[in-house]
Amino acid sequence: MKRELTPTEARSGIISGRVLLVLLLSSFGAVLALAAAWYFLFAGR
């Protein structure tokens, strides 16, 4: 049986999930930006 979460614990879970989501999205964006830069610099010739 799971124990009850206090409001602070519940909020920290939501915040950590949001932080992970932001990290994933920014990493994905950085990879896309690098791919686009590589394409324009080298493949466009």
C-alpha atoms as a PDB file:
ATOM      1  CA  MET A   1       0.000   0.000   0.000  1.00  0.00           C
ATOM      2  CA  LYS A   2       1.381   3.407  -0.984  1.00  0.00           C
ATOM      3  CA  ARG A   3       1.682   6.094   1.653  1.00  0.00           C
ATOM      4  CA  GLU A   4       0.060   9.483   1.238  1.00  0.00           C
ATOM      5  CA  LEU A   5       2.176  12.213  -0.308  1.00  0.00           C
ATOM      6  CA  THR A   6       2.330  15.590   1.346  1.00  0.00           C
ATOM      7  CA  PRO A   7       1.597  18.565  -0.952  1.00  0.00           C
ATOM      8  CA  THR A   8       5.307  19.463  -0.970  1.00  0.00           C
ATOM      9  CA  GLU A   9       6.320  15.963  -2.035  1.00  0.00           C
ATOM     10  CA  ALA A  10       3.664  15.885  -4.742  1.00  0.00           C
ATOM     11  CA  ARG A  11       4.795  19.284  -6.024  1.00  0.00           C
ATOM     12  CA  SER A  12       8.458  18.219  -6.113  1.00  0.00           C
ATOM     13  CA  GLY A  13       7.501  15.213  -8.243  1.00  0.00           C
ATOM     14  CA  ILE A  14       5.696  17.445 -10.726  1.00  0.00           C
ATOM     15  CA  ILE A  15       8.616  19.886 -10.818  1.00  0.00           C
ATOM     16  CA  SER A  16      11.240  17.165 -11.361  1.00  0.00           C
ATOM     17  CA  GLY A  17       9.142  15.712 -14.173  1.00  0.00           C
ATOM     18  CA  ARG A  18       8.890  19.151 -15.760  1.00  0.00           C
ATOM     19  CA  VAL A  19      12.657  19.674 -15.424  1.00  0.00           C
ATOM     20  CA  LEU A  20      13.309  16.328 -17.123  1.00  0.00           C
ATOM     21  CA  LEU A  21      10.920  17.255 -19.914  1.00  0.00           C
ATOM     22  CA  VAL A  22      12.669  20.603 -20.459  1.00  0.00           C
ATOM     23  CA  LEU A  23      16.077  18.889 -20.482  1.00  0.00           C
ATOM     24  CA  LEU A  24      14.892  16.342 -23.041  1.00  0.00           C
ATOM     25  CA  LEU A  25      13.342  18.999 -25.268  1.00  0.00           C
ATOM     26  CA  SER A  26      16.389  21.257 -25.123  1.00  0.00           C
ATOM     27  CA  SER A  27      18.721  18.346 -25.892  1.00  0.00           C
ATOM     28  CA  PHE A  28      16.551  17.407 -28.855  1.00  0.00           C
ATOM     29  CA  GLY A  29      16.554  21.022 -30.041  1.00  0.00           C
ATOM     30  CA  ALA A  30      20.335  21.213 -29.739  1.00  0.00           C
ATOM     31  CA  VAL A  31      20.736  18.055 -31.833  1.00  0.00           C
ATOM     32  CA  LEU A  32      18.405  19.466 -34.479  1.00  0.00           C
ATOM     33  CA  ALA A  33      20.293  22.775 -34.527  1.00  0.00           C
ATOM     34  CA  LEU A  34      23.635  20.987 -34.915  1.00  0.00           C
ATOM     35  CA  ALA A  35      22.251  18.842 -37.727  1.00  0.00           C
ATOM     36  CA  ALA A  36      20.876  21.907 -39.508  1.00  0.00           C
ATOM     37  CA  ALA A  37      24.157  23.802 -39.101  1.00  0.00           C
ATOM     38  CA  TRP A  38      26.154  20.832 -40.404  1.00  0.00           C
ATOM     39  CA  TYR A  39      23.816  20.500 -43.370  1.00  0.00           C
ATOM     40  CA  PHE A  40      24.042  24.175 -44.335  1.00  0.00           C
ATOM     41  CA  LEU A  41      27.811  24.314 -43.860  1.00  0.00           C
ATOM     42  CA  PHE A  42      28.870  21.092 -45.540  1.00  0.00           C
ATOM     43  CA  ALA A  43      26.068  19.473 -47.544  1.00  0.00           C
ATOM     44  CA  GLY A  44      24.982  22.674 -49.254  1.00  0.00           C
ATOM     45  CA  ARG A  45      28.116  22.853 -51.377  1.00  0.00           C
END
